[in-house]
């Protein structure tokens, strides 16, 4: 289900996946199908990372959801299409945080 609502400067997208509801806003110049694909890809990446994402995963792991979105996008444009690559990148960041809880710089 994807509902779109126009506003003066762009479009709102209200999308429901299972029990999750997402609301996105896009500029008038943006392609609606591209935005819908982007939202779908983000949900797939969250499913890959959380293994069947639910509302509790998003609420209690908001920083990881933000990491996933940051790995997926650069400057509002899709940078990585492979959901496994995005999820593995965030898992690597998680491992670094576990190994280095004080936030000290690592020497490579």
PDB file of N, CA and C in Angstrom:
ATOM      1  N   UNK A   1       0.843  -1.166   0.000  1.00  0.00           N
ATOM      2  CA  UNK A   1       0.000   0.000   0.000  1.00  0.00           C
ATOM      3  C   UNK A   1       0.893   1.234   0.000  1.00  0.00           C
ATOM      4  N   UNK A   2       0.716   2.083  -0.946  1.00  0.00           N
ATOM      5  CA  UNK A   2       1.476   3.327  -1.008  1.00  0.00           C
ATOM      6  C   UNK A   2       0.506   4.456  -1.310  1.00  0.00           C
ATOM      7  N   UNK A   3       0.362   5.350  -0.376  1.00  0.00           N
ATOM      8  CA  UNK A   3      -0.472   6.521  -0.580  1.00  0.00           C
ATOM      9  C   UNK A   3       0.433   7.722  -0.753  1.00  0.00           C
ATOM     10  N   UNK A   4       0.080   8.574  -1.683  1.00  0.00           N
ATOM     11  CA  UNK A   4       0.849   9.791  -1.917  1.00  0.00           C
ATOM     12  C   UNK A   4      -0.066  10.986  -1.717  1.00  0.00           C
ATOM     13  N   UNK A   5       0.462  12.027  -1.125  1.00  0.00           N
ATOM     14  CA  UNK A   5      -0.306  13.243  -0.923  1.00  0.00           C
ATOM     15  C   UNK A   5       0.568  14.414  -1.348  1.00  0.00           C
ATOM     16  N   UNK A   6       0.066  15.236  -2.220  1.00  0.00           N
ATOM     17  CA  UNK A   6       0.828  16.381  -2.698  1.00  0.00           C
ATOM     18  C   UNK A   6       0.762  17.524  -1.699  1.00  0.00           C
ATOM     19  N   UNK A   7       1.840  18.249  -1.538  1.00  0.00           N
ATOM     20  CA  UNK A   7       1.836  19.497  -0.798  1.00  0.00           C
ATOM     21  C   UNK A   7       2.541  20.525  -1.661  1.00  0.00           C
ATOM     22  N   UNK A   8       2.593  21.758  -1.222  1.00  0.00           N
ATOM     23  CA  UNK A   8       3.037  22.856  -2.073  1.00  0.00           C
ATOM     24  C   UNK A   8       4.418  22.621  -2.667  1.00  0.00           C
ATOM     25  N   UNK A   9       5.355  22.122  -1.894  1.00  0.00           N
ATOM     26  CA  UNK A   9       6.728  22.000  -2.374  1.00  0.00           C
ATOM     27  C   UNK A   9       7.138  20.572  -2.702  1.00  0.00           C
ATOM     28  N   UNK A  10       6.245  19.617  -2.610  1.00  0.00           N
ATOM     29  CA  UNK A  10       6.637  18.248  -2.891  1.00  0.00           C
ATOM     30  C   UNK A  10       5.527  17.252  -2.632  1.00  0.00           C
ATOM     31  N   UNK A  11       5.915  16.042  -2.232  1.00  0.00           N
ATOM     32  CA  UNK A  11       4.978  14.946  -2.042  1.00  0.00           C
ATOM     33  C   UNK A  11       5.310  14.205  -0.752  1.00  0.00           C
ATOM     34  N   UNK A  12       4.268  13.786  -0.034  1.00  0.00           N
ATOM     35  CA  UNK A  12       4.421  12.892   1.112  1.00  0.00           C
ATOM     36  C   UNK A  12       4.119  11.479   0.645  1.00  0.00           C
ATOM     37  N   UNK A  13       4.892  10.522   1.128  1.00  0.00           N
ATOM     38  CA  UNK A  13       4.661   9.118   0.831  1.00  0.00           C
ATOM     39  C   UNK A  13       4.381   8.406   2.141  1.00  0.00           C
ATOM     40  N   UNK A  14       3.225   7.778   2.242  1.00  0.00           N
ATOM     41  CA  UNK A  14       2.845   6.999   3.417  1.00  0.00           C
ATOM     42  C   UNK A  14       2.781   5.543   2.980  1.00  0.00           C
ATOM     43  N   UNK A  15       3.680   4.736   3.501  1.00  0.00           N
ATOM     44  CA  UNK A  15       3.796   3.355   3.047  1.00  0.00           C
ATOM     45  C   UNK A  15       3.729   2.423   4.243  1.00  0.00           C
ATOM     46  N   UNK A  16       2.993   1.343   4.067  1.00  0.00           N
ATOM     47  CA  UNK A  16       2.839   0.362   5.135  1.00  0.00           C
ATOM     48  C   UNK A  16       3.451  -0.968   4.698  1.00  0.00           C
ATOM     49  N   UNK A  17       4.362  -1.464   5.519  1.00  0.00           N
ATOM     50  CA  UNK A  17       4.949  -2.786   5.333  1.00  0.00           C
ATOM     51  C   UNK A  17       4.610  -3.598   6.565  1.00  0.00           C
ATOM     52  N   UNK A  18       3.795  -4.629   6.381  1.00  0.00           N
ATOM     53  CA  UNK A  18       3.328  -5.455   7.489  1.00  0.00           C
ATOM     54  C   UNK A  18       2.729  -4.545   8.564  1.00  0.00           C
ATOM     55  N   UNK A  19       3.360  -4.446   9.727  1.00  0.00           N
ATOM     56  CA  UNK A  19       2.829  -3.594  10.797  1.00  0.00           C
ATOM     57  C   UNK A  19       3.582  -2.282  10.924  1.00  0.00           C
ATOM     58  N   UNK A  20       4.541  -2.034  10.048  1.00  0.00           N
ATOM     59  CA  UNK A  20       5.327  -0.804  10.086  1.00  0.00           C
ATOM     60  C   UNK A  20       4.760   0.206   9.095  1.00  0.00           C
ATOM     61  N   UNK A  21       4.734   1.468   9.515  1.00  0.00           N
ATOM     62  CA  UNK A  21       4.264   2.543   8.641  1.00  0.00           C
ATOM     63  C   UNK A  21       5.377   3.569   8.524  1.00  0.00           C
ATOM     64  N   UNK A  22       5.707   3.954   7.293  1.00  0.00           N
ATOM     65  CA  UNK A  22       6.768   4.918   7.019  1.00  0.00           C
ATOM     66  C   UNK A  22       6.174   6.129   6.323  1.00  0.00           C
ATOM     67  N   UNK A  23       6.635   7.311   6.731  1.00  0.00           N
ATOM     68  CA  UNK A  23       6.215   8.561   6.104  1.00  0.00           C
ATOM     69  C   UNK A  23       7.458   9.263   5.591  1.00  0.00           C
ATOM     70  N   UNK A  24       7.509   9.500   4.296  1.00  0.00           N
ATOM     71  CA  UNK A  24       8.632  10.178   3.656  1.00  0.00           C
ATOM     72  C   UNK A  24       8.117  11.417   2.949  1.00  0.00           C
ATOM     73  N   UNK A  25       8.965  12.418   2.849  1.00  0.00           N
ATOM     74  CA  UNK A  25       8.660  13.619   2.068  1.00  0.00           C
ATOM     75  C   UNK A  25       9.708  13.748   0.977  1.00  0.00           C
ATOM     76  N   UNK A  26       9.267  14.150  -0.212  1.00  0.00           N
ATOM     77  CA  UNK A  26      10.181  14.306  -1.343  1.00  0.00           C
ATOM     78  C   UNK A  26       9.867  15.613  -2.057  1.00  0.00           C
ATOM     79  N   UNK A  27      10.892  16.158  -2.704  1.00  0.00           N
ATOM     80  CA  UNK A  27      10.706  17.371  -3.491  1.00  0.00           C
ATOM     81  C   UNK A  27       9.834  17.084  -4.704  1.00  0.00           C
ATOM     82  N   UNK A  28       9.283  18.128  -5.245  1.00  0.00           N
ATOM     83  CA  UNK A  28       8.421  18.002  -6.409  1.00  0.00           C
ATOM     84  C   UNK A  28       9.186  17.436  -7.610  1.00  0.00           C
ATOM     85  N   UNK A  29      10.475  17.740  -7.705  1.00  0.00           N
ATOM     86  CA  UNK A  29      11.282  17.286  -8.841  1.00  0.00           C
ATOM     87  C   UNK A  29      11.672  15.812  -8.748  1.00  0.00           C
ATOM     88  N   UNK A  30      11.556  15.205  -7.570  1.00  0.00           N
ATOM     89  CA  UNK A  30      11.970  13.815  -7.391  1.00  0.00           C
ATOM     90  C   UNK A  30      10.988  12.864  -8.072  1.00  0.00           C
ATOM     91  N   UNK A  31      11.536  11.789  -8.596  1.00  0.00           N
ATOM     92  CA  UNK A  31      10.740  10.754  -9.244  1.00  0.00           C
ATOM     93  C   UNK A  31      10.035   9.928  -8.164  1.00  0.00           C
ATOM     94  N   UNK A  32       8.713   9.815  -8.242  1.00  0.00           N
ATOM     95  CA  UNK A  32       7.946   9.101  -7.221  1.00  0.00           C
ATOM     96  C   UNK A  32       8.313   7.620  -7.170  1.00  0.00           C
ATOM     97  N   UNK A  33       8.525   7.011  -8.329  1.00  0.00           N
ATOM     98  CA  UNK A  33       8.891   5.592  -8.343  1.00  0.00           C
ATOM     99  C   UNK A  33      10.257   5.362  -7.699  1.00  0.00           C
ATOM    100  N   UNK A  34      11.168   6.308  -7.897  1.00  0.00           N
ATOM    101  CA  UNK A  34      12.489   6.209  -7.276  1.00  0.00           C
ATOM    102  C   UNK A  34      12.361   6.259  -5.754  1.00  0.00           C
ATOM    103  N   UNK A  35      11.519   7.162  -5.255  1.00  0.00           N
ATOM    104  CA  UNK A  35      11.324   7.278  -3.804  1.00  0.00           C
ATOM    105  C   UNK A  35      10.696   6.005  -3.250  1.00  0.00           C
ATOM    106  N   UNK A  36       9.707   5.460  -3.943  1.00  0.00           N
ATOM    107  CA  UNK A  36       9.087   4.214  -3.495  1.00  0.00           C
ATOM    108  C   UNK A  36      10.094   3.064  -3.484  1.00  0.00           C
ATOM    109  N   UNK A  37      10.950   2.998  -4.498  1.00  0.00           N
ATOM    110  CA  UNK A  37      11.994   1.966  -4.541  1.00  0.00           C
ATOM    111  C   UNK A  37      12.999   2.154  -3.410  1.00  0.00           C
ATOM    112  N   UNK A  38      13.344   3.396  -3.117  1.00  0.00           N
ATOM    113  CA  UNK A  38      14.271   3.697  -2.031  1.00  0.00           C
ATOM    114  C   UNK A  38      13.707   3.239  -0.686  1.00  0.00           C
ATOM    115  N   UNK A  39      12.444   3.526  -0.442  1.00  0.00           N
ATOM    116  CA  UNK A  39      11.805   3.108   0.808  1.00  0.00           C
ATOM    117  C   UNK A  39      11.777   1.580   0.888  1.00  0.00           C
ATOM    118  N   UNK A  40      11.409   0.943  -0.210  1.00  0.00           N
ATOM    119  CA  UNK A  40      11.369  -0.520  -0.250  1.00  0.00           C
ATOM    120  C   UNK A  40      12.751  -1.109   0.034  1.00  0.00           C
ATOM    121  N   UNK A  41      13.783  -0.537  -0.559  1.00  0.00           N
ATOM    122  CA  UNK A  41      15.156  -1.014  -0.356  1.00  0.00           C
ATOM    123  C   UNK A  41      15.565  -0.853   1.108  1.00  0.00           C
ATOM    124  N   UNK A  42      15.168   0.284   1.733  1.00  0.00           N
ATOM    125  CA  UNK A  42      15.504   0.526   3.136  1.00  0.00           C
ATOM    126  C   UNK A  42      14.861  -0.525   4.041  1.00  0.00           C
ATOM    127  N   UNK A  43      13.605  -0.857   3.760  1.00  0.00           N
ATOM    128  CA  UNK A  43      12.919  -1.883   4.554  1.00  0.00           C
ATOM    129  C   UNK A  43      13.597  -3.239   4.357  1.00  0.00           C
ATOM    130  N   UNK A  44      14.006  -3.552   3.130  1.00  0.00           N
ATOM    131  CA  UNK A  44      14.720  -4.807   2.882  1.00  0.00           C
ATOM    132  C   UNK A  44      16.042  -4.863   3.652  1.00  0.00           C
ATOM    133  N   UNK A  45      16.755  -3.749   3.686  1.00  0.00           N
ATOM    134  CA  UNK A  45      18.026  -3.699   4.417  1.00  0.00           C
ATOM    135  C   UNK A  45      17.784  -3.891   5.911  1.00  0.00           C
ATOM    136  N   UNK A  46      16.749  -3.252   6.452  1.00  0.00           N
ATOM    137  CA  UNK A  46      16.434  -3.440   7.875  1.00  0.00           C
ATOM    138  C   UNK A  46      16.035  -4.879   8.158  1.00  0.00           C
ATOM    139  N   UNK A  47      15.291  -5.510   7.241  1.00  0.00           N
ATOM    140  CA  UNK A  47      14.946  -6.924   7.403  1.00  0.00           C
ATOM    141  C   UNK A  47      16.186  -7.800   7.385  1.00  0.00           C
ATOM    142  N   UNK A  48      17.131  -7.473   6.536  1.00  0.00           N
ATOM    143  CA  UNK A  48      18.388  -8.235   6.465  1.00  0.00           C
ATOM    144  C   UNK A  48      19.182  -8.095   7.766  1.00  0.00           C
ATOM    145  N   UNK A  49      19.234  -6.887   8.312  1.00  0.00           N
ATOM    146  CA  UNK A  49      20.030  -6.631   9.515  1.00  0.00           C
ATOM    147  C   UNK A  49      19.352  -7.184  10.773  1.00  0.00           C
ATOM    148  N   UNK A  50      18.063  -6.888  10.937  1.00  0.00           N
ATOM    149  CA  UNK A  50      17.354  -7.268  12.163  1.00  0.00           C
ATOM    150  C   UNK A  50      16.691  -8.645  12.069  1.00  0.00           C
ATOM    151  N   UNK A  51      16.730  -9.279  10.904  1.00  0.00           N
ATOM    152  CA  UNK A  51      16.064 -10.565  10.692  1.00  0.00           C
ATOM    153  C   UNK A  51      14.579 -10.445  11.026  1.00  0.00           C
ATOM    154  N   UNK A  52      13.831  -9.894  10.105  1.00  0.00           N
ATOM    155  CA  UNK A  52      12.398  -9.629  10.233  1.00  0.00           C
ATOM    156  C   UNK A  52      12.153  -8.459  11.191  1.00  0.00           C
ATOM    157  N   UNK A  53      12.402  -7.280  10.700  1.00  0.00           N
ATOM    158  CA  UNK A  53      12.320  -6.052  11.492  1.00  0.00           C
ATOM    159  C   UNK A  53      10.901  -5.824  12.014  1.00  0.00           C
ATOM    160  N   UNK A  54      10.823  -5.280  13.217  1.00  0.00           N
ATOM    161  CA  UNK A  54       9.538  -4.900  13.799  1.00  0.00           C
ATOM    162  C   UNK A  54       9.707  -3.531  14.464  1.00  0.00           C
ATOM    163  N   UNK A  55       8.607  -3.007  14.974  1.00  0.00           N
ATOM    164  CA  UNK A  55       8.618  -1.670  15.565  1.00  0.00           C
ATOM    165  C   UNK A  55       9.601  -1.567  16.730  1.00  0.00           C
ATOM    166  N   UNK A  56       9.686  -2.593  17.535  1.00  0.00           N
ATOM    167  CA  UNK A  56      10.580  -2.574  18.699  1.00  0.00           C
ATOM    168  C   UNK A  56      12.035  -2.453  18.266  1.00  0.00           C
ATOM    169  N   UNK A  57      12.399  -3.122  17.165  1.00  0.00           N
ATOM    170  CA  UNK A  57      13.768  -3.005  16.645  1.00  0.00           C
ATOM    171  C   UNK A  57      14.093  -1.561  16.296  1.00  0.00           C
ATOM    172  N   UNK A  58      13.160  -0.873  15.674  1.00  0.00           N
ATOM    173  CA  UNK A  58      13.388   0.514  15.264  1.00  0.00           C
ATOM    174  C   UNK A  58      13.446   1.434  16.475  1.00  0.00           C
ATOM    175  N   UNK A  59      12.556   1.233  17.434  1.00  0.00           N
ATOM    176  CA  UNK A  59      12.502   2.108  18.607  1.00  0.00           C
ATOM    177  C   UNK A  59      13.758   1.968  19.467  1.00  0.00           C
ATOM    178  N   UNK A  60      14.182   0.735  19.735  1.00  0.00           N
ATOM    179  CA  UNK A  60      15.306   0.523  20.648  1.00  0.00           C
ATOM    180  C   UNK A  60      16.675   0.501  19.971  1.00  0.00           C
ATOM    181  N   UNK A  61      16.696   0.509  18.656  1.00  0.00           N
ATOM    182  CA  UNK A  61      17.963   0.513  17.916  1.00  0.00           C
ATOM    183  C   UNK A  61      17.966   1.618  16.873  1.00  0.00           C
ATOM    184  N   UNK A  62      17.474   2.775  17.264  1.00  0.00           N
ATOM    185  CA  UNK A  62      17.331   3.862  16.303  1.00  0.00           C
ATOM    186  C   UNK A  62      18.664   4.268  15.685  1.00  0.00           C
ATOM    187  N   UNK A  63      19.744   4.224  16.476  1.00  0.00           N
ATOM    188  CA  UNK A  63      21.047   4.614  15.931  1.00  0.00           C
ATOM    189  C   UNK A  63      21.507   3.630  14.859  1.00  0.00           C
ATOM    190  N   UNK A  64      21.172   2.353  15.012  1.00  0.00           N
ATOM    191  CA  UNK A  64      21.537   1.373  13.988  1.00  0.00           C
ATOM    192  C   UNK A  64      20.689   1.547  12.733  1.00  0.00           C
ATOM    193  N   UNK A  65      19.431   1.908  12.918  1.00  0.00           N
ATOM    194  CA  UNK A  65      18.573   2.209  11.765  1.00  0.00           C
ATOM    195  C   UNK A  65      19.136   3.408  11.008  1.00  0.00           C
ATOM    196  N   UNK A  66      19.633   4.398  11.746  1.00  0.00           N
ATOM    197  CA  UNK A  66      20.252   5.573  11.118  1.00  0.00           C
ATOM    198  C   UNK A  66      21.535   5.183  10.383  1.00  0.00           C
ATOM    199  N   UNK A  67      22.341   4.300  10.980  1.00  0.00           N
ATOM    200  CA  UNK A  67      23.548   3.801  10.298  1.00  0.00           C
ATOM    201  C   UNK A  67      23.180   3.103   8.991  1.00  0.00           C
ATOM    202  N   UNK A  68      22.128   2.280   9.031  1.00  0.00           N
ATOM    203  CA  UNK A  68      21.692   1.581   7.820  1.00  0.00           C
ATOM    204  C   UNK A  68      21.294   2.564   6.729  1.00  0.00           C
ATOM    205  N   UNK A  69      20.561   3.603   7.105  1.00  0.00           N
ATOM    206  CA  UNK A  69      20.146   4.604   6.122  1.00  0.00           C
ATOM    207  C   UNK A  69      21.347   5.375   5.593  1.00  0.00           C
ATOM    208  N   UNK A  70      22.301   5.681   6.476  1.00  0.00           N
ATOM    209  CA  UNK A  70      23.516   6.384   6.041  1.00  0.00           C
ATOM    210  C   UNK A  70      24.351   5.539   5.086  1.00  0.00           C
ATOM    211  N   UNK A  71      24.403   4.236   5.310  1.00  0.00           N
ATOM    212  CA  UNK A  71      25.153   3.358   4.408  1.00  0.00           C
ATOM    213  C   UNK A  71      24.439   3.181   3.072  1.00  0.00           C
ATOM    214  N   UNK A  72      23.129   3.315   3.086  1.00  0.00           N
ATOM    215  CA  UNK A  72      22.332   3.139   1.871  1.00  0.00           C
ATOM    216  C   UNK A  72      22.360   4.376   0.980  1.00  0.00           C
ATOM    217  N   UNK A  73      22.422   5.561   1.594  1.00  0.00           N
ATOM    218  CA  UNK A  73      22.319   6.827   0.855  1.00  0.00           C
ATOM    219  C   UNK A  73      23.555   7.693   1.028  1.00  0.00           C
ATOM    220  N   UNK A  74      23.845   8.479   0.016  1.00  0.00           N
ATOM    221  CA  UNK A  74      24.822   9.566   0.111  1.00  0.00           C
ATOM    222  C   UNK A  74      24.190  10.761  -0.581  1.00  0.00           C
ATOM    223  N   UNK A  75      24.021  11.841   0.146  1.00  0.00           N
ATOM    224  CA  UNK A  75      23.445  13.051  -0.434  1.00  0.00           C
ATOM    225  C   UNK A  75      22.043  12.849  -0.971  1.00  0.00           C
ATOM    226  N   UNK A  76      21.281  11.952  -0.351  1.00  0.00           N
ATOM    227  CA  UNK A  76      19.922  11.701  -0.797  1.00  0.00           C
ATOM    228  C   UNK A  76      19.819  10.775  -1.992  1.00  0.00           C
ATOM    229  N   UNK A  77      20.942  10.256  -2.461  1.00  0.00           N
ATOM    230  CA  UNK A  77      20.953   9.353  -3.612  1.00  0.00           C
ATOM    231  C   UNK A  77      21.382   7.960  -3.171  1.00  0.00           C
ATOM    232  N   UNK A  78      20.762   6.969  -3.757  1.00  0.00           N
ATOM    233  CA  UNK A  78      21.077   5.584  -3.450  1.00  0.00           C
ATOM    234  C   UNK A  78      22.508   5.273  -3.864  1.00  0.00           C
ATOM    235  N   UNK A  79      23.306   4.752  -2.923  1.00  0.00           N
ATOM    236  CA  UNK A  79      24.700   4.457  -3.251  1.00  0.00           C
ATOM    237  C   UNK A  79      24.980   2.967  -3.341  1.00  0.00           C
ATOM    238  N   UNK A  80      24.248   2.157  -2.636  1.00  0.00           N
ATOM    239  CA  UNK A  80      24.518   0.714  -2.617  1.00  0.00           C
ATOM    240  C   UNK A  80      23.215  -0.052  -2.819  1.00  0.00           C
ATOM    241  N   UNK A  81      23.177  -0.925  -3.801  1.00  0.00           N
ATOM    242  CA  UNK A  81      21.969  -1.686  -4.097  1.00  0.00           C
ATOM    243  C   UNK A  81      21.908  -3.018  -3.361  1.00  0.00           C
ATOM    244  N   UNK A  82      23.047  -3.545  -2.971  1.00  0.00           N
ATOM    245  CA  UNK A  82      23.097  -4.849  -2.333  1.00  0.00           C
ATOM    246  C   UNK A  82      22.783  -4.722  -0.843  1.00  0.00           C
ATOM    247  N   UNK A  83      21.642  -5.275  -0.432  1.00  0.00           N
ATOM    248  CA  UNK A  83      21.222  -5.138   0.967  1.00  0.00           C
ATOM    249  C   UNK A  83      22.157  -5.871   1.921  1.00  0.00           C
ATOM    250  N   UNK A  84      22.744  -6.976   1.481  1.00  0.00           N
ATOM    251  CA  UNK A  84      23.670  -7.718   2.333  1.00  0.00           C
ATOM    252  C   UNK A  84      24.931  -6.907   2.603  1.00  0.00           C
ATOM    253  N   UNK A  85      25.427  -6.201   1.590  1.00  0.00           N
ATOM    254  CA  UNK A  85      26.620  -5.365   1.758  1.00  0.00           C
ATOM    255  C   UNK A  85      26.371  -4.262   2.778  1.00  0.00           C
ATOM    256  N   UNK A  86      25.200  -3.630   2.711  1.00  0.00           N
ATOM    257  CA  UNK A  86      24.862  -2.560   3.656  1.00  0.00           C
ATOM    258  C   UNK A  86      24.771  -3.124   5.069  1.00  0.00           C
ATOM    259  N   UNK A  87      24.078  -4.241   5.235  1.00  0.00           N
ATOM    260  CA  UNK A  87      23.932  -4.843   6.567  1.00  0.00           C
ATOM    261  C   UNK A  87      25.287  -5.278   7.125  1.00  0.00           C
ATOM    262  N   UNK A  88      26.143  -5.860   6.288  1.00  0.00           N
ATOM    263  CA  UNK A  88      27.470  -6.282   6.750  1.00  0.00           C
ATOM    264  C   UNK A  88      28.331  -5.096   7.161  1.00  0.00           C
ATOM    265  N   UNK A  89      28.183  -3.981   6.481  1.00  0.00           N
ATOM    266  CA  UNK A  89      28.929  -2.778   6.838  1.00  0.00           C
ATOM    267  C   UNK A  89      28.549  -2.289   8.233  1.00  0.00           C
ATOM    268  N   UNK A  90      27.266  -2.323   8.545  1.00  0.00           N
ATOM    269  CA  UNK A  90      26.816  -1.889   9.869  1.00  0.00           C
ATOM    270  C   UNK A  90      27.219  -2.915  10.925  1.00  0.00           C
ATOM    271  N   UNK A  91      27.205  -4.189  10.590  1.00  0.00           N
ATOM    272  CA  UNK A  91      27.672  -5.218  11.526  1.00  0.00           C
ATOM    273  C   UNK A  91      29.148  -5.003  11.846  1.00  0.00           C
ATOM    274  N   UNK A  92      29.942  -4.636  10.844  1.00  0.00           N
ATOM    275  CA  UNK A  92      31.358  -4.321  11.068  1.00  0.00           C
ATOM    276  C   UNK A  92      31.500  -3.139  12.014  1.00  0.00           C
ATOM    277  N   UNK A  93      30.674  -2.109  11.834  1.00  0.00           N
ATOM    278  CA  UNK A  93      30.695  -0.958  12.744  1.00  0.00           C
ATOM    279  C   UNK A  93      30.316  -1.382  14.157  1.00  0.00           C
ATOM    280  N   UNK A  94      29.336  -2.279  14.273  1.00  0.00           N
ATOM    281  CA  UNK A  94      28.941  -2.790  15.592  1.00  0.00           C
ATOM    282  C   UNK A  94      30.107  -3.504  16.271  1.00  0.00           C
ATOM    283  N   UNK A  95      30.830  -4.316  15.514  1.00  0.00           N
ATOM    284  CA  UNK A  95      31.973  -5.044  16.074  1.00  0.00           C
ATOM    285  C   UNK A  95      33.070  -4.095  16.535  1.00  0.00           C
ATOM    286  N   UNK A  96      33.317  -3.035  15.784  1.00  0.00           N
ATOM    287  CA  UNK A  96      34.316  -2.042  16.187  1.00  0.00           C
ATOM    288  C   UNK A  96      33.882  -1.365  17.480  1.00  0.00           C
ATOM    289  N   UNK A  97      32.598  -1.044  17.594  1.00  0.00           N
ATOM    290  CA  UNK A  97      32.095  -0.404  18.815  1.00  0.00           C
ATOM    291  C   UNK A  97      32.200  -1.344  20.016  1.00  0.00           C
ATOM    292  N   UNK A  98      31.956  -2.634  19.812  1.00  0.00           N
ATOM    293  CA  UNK A  98      32.083  -3.596  20.910  1.00  0.00           C
ATOM    294  C   UNK A  98      33.537  -3.763  21.335  1.00  0.00           C
ATOM    295  N   UNK A  99      34.448  -3.780  20.370  1.00  0.00           N
ATOM    296  CA  UNK A  99      35.874  -3.935  20.671  1.00  0.00           C
ATOM    297  C   UNK A  99      36.478  -2.680  21.278  1.00  0.00           C
ATOM    298  N   UNK A 100      35.869  -1.542  21.046  1.00  0.00           N
ATOM    299  CA  UNK A 100      36.422  -0.255  21.455  1.00  0.00           C
ATOM    300  C   UNK A 100      35.328   0.588  22.127  1.00  0.00           C
ATOM    301  N   UNK A 101      34.842   0.172  23.301  1.00  0.00           N
ATOM    302  CA  UNK A 101      33.700   0.856  23.920  1.00  0.00           C
ATOM    303  C   UNK A 101      33.982   2.282  24.386  1.00  0.00           C
ATOM    304  N   UNK A 102      35.233   2.625  24.634  1.00  0.00           N
ATOM    305  CA  UNK A 102      35.549   3.965  25.131  1.00  0.00           C
ATOM    306  C   UNK A 102      35.636   4.999  24.017  1.00  0.00           C
ATOM    307  N   UNK A 103      35.575   4.563  22.776  1.00  0.00           N
ATOM    308  CA  UNK A 103      35.639   5.498  21.663  1.00  0.00           C
ATOM    309  C   UNK A 103      37.042   5.957  21.332  1.00  0.00           C
ATOM    310  N   UNK A 104      38.044   5.205  21.773  1.00  0.00           N
ATOM    311  CA  UNK A 104      39.428   5.568  21.461  1.00  0.00           C
ATOM    312  C   UNK A 104      39.708   5.304  19.992  1.00  0.00           C
ATOM    313  N   UNK A 105      40.657   6.047  19.467  1.00  0.00           N
ATOM    314  CA  UNK A 105      41.016   5.874  18.067  1.00  0.00           C
ATOM    315  C   UNK A 105      41.742   4.552  17.882  1.00  0.00           C
ATOM    316  N   UNK A 106      41.463   3.921  16.768  1.00  0.00           N
ATOM    317  CA  UNK A 106      42.121   2.658  16.447  1.00  0.00           C
ATOM    318  C   UNK A 106      43.280   2.907  15.498  1.00  0.00           C
ATOM    319  N   UNK A 107      44.347   2.167  15.689  1.00  0.00           N
ATOM    320  CA  UNK A 107      45.460   2.238  14.739  1.00  0.00           C
ATOM    321  C   UNK A 107      45.303   1.095  13.751  1.00  0.00           C
ATOM    322  N   UNK A 108      45.383   1.425  12.499  1.00  0.00           N
ATOM    323  CA  UNK A 108      45.246   0.402  11.458  1.00  0.00           C
ATOM    324  C   UNK A 108      46.584  -0.037  10.951  1.00  0.00           C
TER     325      UNK A 108
END
